[in-house]
């Protein structure tokens, strides 16, 4: 068994330059593009899915864009569960993070959502939003996808998942 592993390992290691050469011929990933009318993605013919999408729509538009965190009780349950490794559970913790840590200031709610939304999917009590995210590196900026999923219960967000990494501070601007 050790000989088979060793042979496979050596074969892989000796072929690394071949894979590296092939990577030069591969086209870069297609950038994520936001939809021109993001508002249209937050509707559904199914009344329950439509209502759930509207909760998330208002979280993005009223809370995250307009920073009207005094309105958080309209959209987020007090026992909100947060799966982002950089954030605490509970609606009060979310409000504190945005108002006291990030020091966001309220502004008027826009007529249309400005968030760079690419897709919205709803199934049962879950709503997932895929957005365009710009990432800055030492070699420049690139775009990628960011995923947020909320569980909606009784017209409020009860739970949230996103693709944050520990100690990451993503650019939340649209």
C-alpha atoms as a PDB file:
ATOM      1  CA  UNK A   1       0.000   0.000   0.000  1.00  0.00           C
ATOM      2  CA  UNK A   2       2.859   2.371   0.831  1.00  0.00           C
ATOM      3  CA  UNK A   3       4.357   1.781  -2.636  1.00  0.00           C
ATOM      4  CA  UNK A   4       1.074   2.639  -4.353  1.00  0.00           C
ATOM      5  CA  UNK A   5       0.753   5.851  -2.346  1.00  0.00           C
ATOM      6  CA  UNK A   6       4.384   6.778  -2.991  1.00  0.00           C
ATOM      7  CA  UNK A   7       4.006   6.113  -6.717  1.00  0.00           C
ATOM      8  CA  UNK A   8       0.834   8.219  -6.888  1.00  0.00           C
ATOM      9  CA  UNK A   9       2.456  11.022  -4.885  1.00  0.00           C
ATOM     10  CA  UNK A  10       5.549  11.089  -7.106  1.00  0.00           C
ATOM     11  CA  UNK A  11       3.440  11.043 -10.253  1.00  0.00           C
ATOM     12  CA  UNK A  12       1.433  14.001  -8.998  1.00  0.00           C
ATOM     13  CA  UNK A  13       4.490  15.985  -7.901  1.00  0.00           C
ATOM     14  CA  UNK A  14       6.353  15.456 -11.152  1.00  0.00           C
ATOM     15  CA  UNK A  15       3.331  16.628 -13.154  1.00  0.00           C
ATOM     16  CA  UNK A  16       2.863  19.923 -11.286  1.00  0.00           C
ATOM     17  CA  UNK A  17       4.701  21.935 -13.972  1.00  0.00           C
ATOM     18  CA  UNK A  18       2.422  20.461 -16.623  1.00  0.00           C
ATOM     19  CA  UNK A  19      -0.660  21.618 -14.706  1.00  0.00           C
ATOM     20  CA  UNK A  20       0.896  25.035 -14.154  1.00  0.00           C
ATOM     21  CA  UNK A  21       1.531  25.406 -17.882  1.00  0.00           C
ATOM     22  CA  UNK A  22      -2.084  24.488 -18.668  1.00  0.00           C
ATOM     23  CA  UNK A  23      -3.413  27.109 -16.266  1.00  0.00           C
ATOM     24  CA  UNK A  24      -2.045  29.846 -18.531  1.00  0.00           C
ATOM     25  CA  UNK A  25      -4.437  28.671 -21.245  1.00  0.00           C
ATOM     26  CA  UNK A  26      -7.500  28.769 -18.971  1.00  0.00           C
ATOM     27  CA  UNK A  27      -9.655  31.884 -19.217  1.00  0.00           C
ATOM     28  CA  UNK A  28     -10.321  33.847 -16.031  1.00  0.00           C
ATOM     29  CA  UNK A  29     -13.661  33.308 -14.311  1.00  0.00           C
ATOM     30  CA  UNK A  30     -16.656  35.193 -15.608  1.00  0.00           C
ATOM     31  CA  UNK A  31     -17.304  38.108 -13.240  1.00  0.00           C
ATOM     32  CA  UNK A  32     -20.532  38.181 -11.260  1.00  0.00           C
ATOM     33  CA  UNK A  33     -22.939  40.727 -12.724  1.00  0.00           C
ATOM     34  CA  UNK A  34     -25.679  42.406 -10.715  1.00  0.00           C
ATOM     35  CA  UNK A  35     -29.156  42.522 -12.214  1.00  0.00           C
ATOM     36  CA  UNK A  36     -30.275  45.910 -13.500  1.00  0.00           C
ATOM     37  CA  UNK A  37     -33.605  45.655 -11.631  1.00  0.00           C
ATOM     38  CA  UNK A  38     -32.842  43.847  -8.379  1.00  0.00           C
ATOM     39  CA  UNK A  39     -36.313  44.677  -7.029  1.00  0.00           C
ATOM     40  CA  UNK A  40     -37.856  42.296  -9.575  1.00  0.00           C
ATOM     41  CA  UNK A  41     -35.968  39.367  -8.020  1.00  0.00           C
ATOM     42  CA  UNK A  42     -37.779  39.780  -4.691  1.00  0.00           C
ATOM     43  CA  UNK A  43     -41.243  38.810  -5.945  1.00  0.00           C
ATOM     44  CA  UNK A  44     -42.979  35.450  -6.283  1.00  0.00           C
ATOM     45  CA  UNK A  45     -46.364  34.154  -7.400  1.00  0.00           C
ATOM     46  CA  UNK A  46     -46.399  32.035  -4.237  1.00  0.00           C
ATOM     47  CA  UNK A  47     -47.705  34.289  -1.405  1.00  0.00           C
ATOM     48  CA  UNK A  48     -45.489  32.710   1.294  1.00  0.00           C
ATOM     49  CA  UNK A  49     -42.312  32.905  -0.810  1.00  0.00           C
ATOM     50  CA  UNK A  50     -43.201  36.466  -1.815  1.00  0.00           C
ATOM     51  CA  UNK A  51     -43.627  37.488   1.835  1.00  0.00           C
ATOM     52  CA  UNK A  52     -40.310  35.847   2.784  1.00  0.00           C
ATOM     53  CA  UNK A  53     -38.494  37.544  -0.095  1.00  0.00           C
ATOM     54  CA  UNK A  54     -39.943  40.888   0.988  1.00  0.00           C
ATOM     55  CA  UNK A  55     -38.527  40.471   4.504  1.00  0.00           C
ATOM     56  CA  UNK A  56     -35.049  39.970   3.031  1.00  0.00           C
ATOM     57  CA  UNK A  57     -35.603  42.801   0.550  1.00  0.00           C
ATOM     58  CA  UNK A  58     -36.322  45.150   3.462  1.00  0.00           C
ATOM     59  CA  UNK A  59     -33.314  43.906   5.422  1.00  0.00           C
ATOM     60  CA  UNK A  60     -31.140  44.881   2.456  1.00  0.00           C
ATOM     61  CA  UNK A  61     -32.912  48.122   1.547  1.00  0.00           C
ATOM     62  CA  UNK A  62     -33.999  49.550   4.911  1.00  0.00           C
ATOM     63  CA  UNK A  63     -31.349  48.164   7.250  1.00  0.00           C
ATOM     64  CA  UNK A  64     -28.177  47.558   5.222  1.00  0.00           C
ATOM     65  CA  UNK A  65     -28.538  50.356   2.639  1.00  0.00           C
ATOM     66  CA  UNK A  66     -30.388  53.056   4.588  1.00  0.00           C
ATOM     67  CA  UNK A  67     -28.919  52.081   7.991  1.00  0.00           C
ATOM     68  CA  UNK A  68     -32.272  52.577   9.692  1.00  0.00           C
ATOM     69  CA  UNK A  69     -31.413  50.118  12.442  1.00  0.00           C
ATOM     70  CA  UNK A  70     -34.133  51.512  14.702  1.00  0.00           C
ATOM     71  CA  UNK A  71     -36.479  49.601  12.356  1.00  0.00           C
ATOM     72  CA  UNK A  72     -34.714  46.251  12.894  1.00  0.00           C
ATOM     73  CA  UNK A  73     -37.605  44.867  15.035  1.00  0.00           C
ATOM     74  CA  UNK A  74     -39.807  45.012  11.904  1.00  0.00           C
ATOM     75  CA  UNK A  75     -37.582  42.527  10.062  1.00  0.00           C
ATOM     76  CA  UNK A  76     -35.354  40.652  12.540  1.00  0.00           C
ATOM     77  CA  UNK A  77     -36.502  38.450  15.421  1.00  0.00           C
ATOM     78  CA  UNK A  78     -35.088  39.267  18.867  1.00  0.00           C
ATOM     79  CA  UNK A  79     -33.646  35.720  19.107  1.00  0.00           C
ATOM     80  CA  UNK A  80     -31.910  35.966  15.700  1.00  0.00           C
ATOM     81  CA  UNK A  81     -29.309  33.224  15.171  1.00  0.00           C
ATOM     82  CA  UNK A  82     -26.159  34.369  13.368  1.00  0.00           C
ATOM     83  CA  UNK A  83     -23.783  31.902  11.687  1.00  0.00           C
ATOM     84  CA  UNK A  84     -21.237  34.519  10.613  1.00  0.00           C
ATOM     85  CA  UNK A  85     -18.080  33.755  12.656  1.00  0.00           C
ATOM     86  CA  UNK A  86     -17.523  37.476  13.280  1.00  0.00           C
ATOM     87  CA  UNK A  87     -20.959  38.334  14.647  1.00  0.00           C
ATOM     88  CA  UNK A  88     -22.978  37.518  17.743  1.00  0.00           C
ATOM     89  CA  UNK A  89     -26.498  36.103  18.034  1.00  0.00           C
ATOM     90  CA  UNK A  90     -29.547  38.238  18.717  1.00  0.00           C
ATOM     91  CA  UNK A  91     -31.129  41.260  17.071  1.00  0.00           C
ATOM     92  CA  UNK A  92     -29.581  43.604  19.637  1.00  0.00           C
ATOM     93  CA  UNK A  93     -26.103  42.322  18.745  1.00  0.00           C
ATOM     94  CA  UNK A  94     -26.717  42.980  15.035  1.00  0.00           C
ATOM     95  CA  UNK A  95     -27.965  46.496  15.721  1.00  0.00           C
ATOM     96  CA  UNK A  96     -25.004  47.165  18.029  1.00  0.00           C
ATOM     97  CA  UNK A  97     -22.537  45.910  15.404  1.00  0.00           C
ATOM     98  CA  UNK A  98     -23.822  48.247  12.701  1.00  0.00           C
ATOM     99  CA  UNK A  99     -24.549  51.298  14.856  1.00  0.00           C
ATOM    100  CA  UNK A 100     -21.712  51.179  17.390  1.00  0.00           C
ATOM    101  CA  UNK A 101     -18.892  49.193  15.749  1.00  0.00           C
ATOM    102  CA  UNK A 102     -19.316  50.246  12.113  1.00  0.00           C
ATOM    103  CA  UNK A 103     -20.837  53.605  13.146  1.00  0.00           C
ATOM    104  CA  UNK A 104     -23.379  53.616  10.300  1.00  0.00           C
ATOM    105  CA  UNK A 105     -25.622  56.655  10.058  1.00  0.00           C
ATOM    106  CA  UNK A 106     -29.281  56.522   8.961  1.00  0.00           C
ATOM    107  CA  UNK A 107     -30.253  57.959   5.606  1.00  0.00           C
ATOM    108  CA  UNK A 108     -33.475  58.007   3.587  1.00  0.00           C
ATOM    109  CA  UNK A 109     -34.676  54.711   2.125  1.00  0.00           C
ATOM    110  CA  UNK A 110     -34.154  54.743  -1.644  1.00  0.00           C
ATOM    111  CA  UNK A 111     -37.000  54.079  -4.070  1.00  0.00           C
ATOM    112  CA  UNK A 112     -35.168  51.060  -5.468  1.00  0.00           C
ATOM    113  CA  UNK A 113     -32.662  48.616  -4.044  1.00  0.00           C
ATOM    114  CA  UNK A 114     -29.079  49.562  -4.927  1.00  0.00           C
ATOM    115  CA  UNK A 115     -27.492  46.355  -3.613  1.00  0.00           C
ATOM    116  CA  UNK A 116     -25.615  44.478  -6.404  1.00  0.00           C
ATOM    117  CA  UNK A 117     -27.952  41.449  -6.467  1.00  0.00           C
ATOM    118  CA  UNK A 118     -27.297  38.762  -9.070  1.00  0.00           C
ATOM    119  CA  UNK A 119     -29.911  36.161  -8.026  1.00  0.00           C
ATOM    120  CA  UNK A 120     -32.524  35.464  -5.347  1.00  0.00           C
ATOM    121  CA  UNK A 121     -33.851  32.016  -4.523  1.00  0.00           C
ATOM    122  CA  UNK A 122     -36.604  31.103  -2.070  1.00  0.00           C
ATOM    123  CA  UNK A 123     -37.673  27.656  -0.942  1.00  0.00           C
ATOM    124  CA  UNK A 124     -39.811  26.945   2.102  1.00  0.00           C
ATOM    125  CA  UNK A 125     -38.678  29.289   4.871  1.00  0.00           C
ATOM    126  CA  UNK A 126     -35.261  30.056   3.319  1.00  0.00           C
ATOM    127  CA  UNK A 127     -34.276  32.984   1.095  1.00  0.00           C
ATOM    128  CA  UNK A 128     -30.814  33.099  -0.484  1.00  0.00           C
ATOM    129  CA  UNK A 129     -29.386  36.204  -2.110  1.00  0.00           C
ATOM    130  CA  UNK A 130     -26.310  36.075  -4.346  1.00  0.00           C
ATOM    131  CA  UNK A 131     -24.571  39.415  -4.715  1.00  0.00           C
ATOM    132  CA  UNK A 132     -21.568  40.741  -6.577  1.00  0.00           C
ATOM    133  CA  UNK A 133     -18.675  41.373  -4.241  1.00  0.00           C
ATOM    134  CA  UNK A 134     -15.530  43.298  -5.108  1.00  0.00           C
ATOM    135  CA  UNK A 135     -12.422  41.977  -3.390  1.00  0.00           C
ATOM    136  CA  UNK A 136      -9.222  44.010  -3.207  1.00  0.00           C
ATOM    137  CA  UNK A 137      -5.907  42.172  -3.240  1.00  0.00           C
ATOM    138  CA  UNK A 138      -2.298  43.250  -3.578  1.00  0.00           C
ATOM    139  CA  UNK A 139      -2.630  42.423  -7.304  1.00  0.00           C
ATOM    140  CA  UNK A 140      -5.769  44.487  -7.875  1.00  0.00           C
ATOM    141  CA  UNK A 141      -9.514  44.018  -7.555  1.00  0.00           C
ATOM    142  CA  UNK A 142     -11.673  41.158  -8.732  1.00  0.00           C
ATOM    143  CA  UNK A 143     -15.373  40.341  -8.484  1.00  0.00           C
ATOM    144  CA  UNK A 144     -16.827  37.205  -6.984  1.00  0.00           C
ATOM    145  CA  UNK A 145     -20.111  35.968  -5.530  1.00  0.00           C
ATOM    146  CA  UNK A 146     -21.274  36.527  -1.963  1.00  0.00           C
ATOM    147  CA  UNK A 147     -24.022  34.359  -0.506  1.00  0.00           C
ATOM    148  CA  UNK A 148     -26.469  35.266   2.252  1.00  0.00           C
ATOM    149  CA  UNK A 149     -29.265  32.965   3.390  1.00  0.00           C
ATOM    150  CA  UNK A 150     -31.974  33.854   5.864  1.00  0.00           C
ATOM    151  CA  UNK A 151     -34.564  31.637   7.561  1.00  0.00           C
ATOM    152  CA  UNK A 152     -37.846  33.520   7.853  1.00  0.00           C
ATOM    153  CA  UNK A 153     -40.460  32.727  10.499  1.00  0.00           C
ATOM    154  CA  UNK A 154     -43.606  34.715  11.233  1.00  0.00           C
ATOM    155  CA  UNK A 155     -42.489  37.527   8.939  1.00  0.00           C
ATOM    156  CA  UNK A 156     -39.050  38.045  10.493  1.00  0.00           C
ATOM    157  CA  UNK A 157     -35.515  36.801   9.932  1.00  0.00           C
ATOM    158  CA  UNK A 158     -34.796  34.109  12.530  1.00  0.00           C
ATOM    159  CA  UNK A 159     -31.449  32.848  11.275  1.00  0.00           C
ATOM    160  CA  UNK A 160     -28.682  33.952   8.904  1.00  0.00           C
ATOM    161  CA  UNK A 161     -25.740  32.338   7.117  1.00  0.00           C
ATOM    162  CA  UNK A 162     -23.161  34.012   4.892  1.00  0.00           C
ATOM    163  CA  UNK A 163     -19.776  33.230   3.422  1.00  0.00           C
ATOM    164  CA  UNK A 164     -17.677  35.275   5.871  1.00  0.00           C
ATOM    165  CA  UNK A 165     -14.357  34.010   7.106  1.00  0.00           C
ATOM    166  CA  UNK A 166     -12.978  34.535  10.610  1.00  0.00           C
ATOM    167  CA  UNK A 167     -11.587  38.060  11.131  1.00  0.00           C
ATOM    168  CA  UNK A 168     -12.731  39.106   7.680  1.00  0.00           C
ATOM    169  CA  UNK A 169     -14.182  42.565   7.255  1.00  0.00           C
ATOM    170  CA  UNK A 170     -15.972  42.528   3.904  1.00  0.00           C
ATOM    171  CA  UNK A 171     -16.758  45.673   1.969  1.00  0.00           C
ATOM    172  CA  UNK A 172     -20.535  45.926   2.467  1.00  0.00           C
ATOM    173  CA  UNK A 173     -21.028  48.825   0.086  1.00  0.00           C
ATOM    174  CA  UNK A 174     -23.289  48.137  -2.903  1.00  0.00           C
END
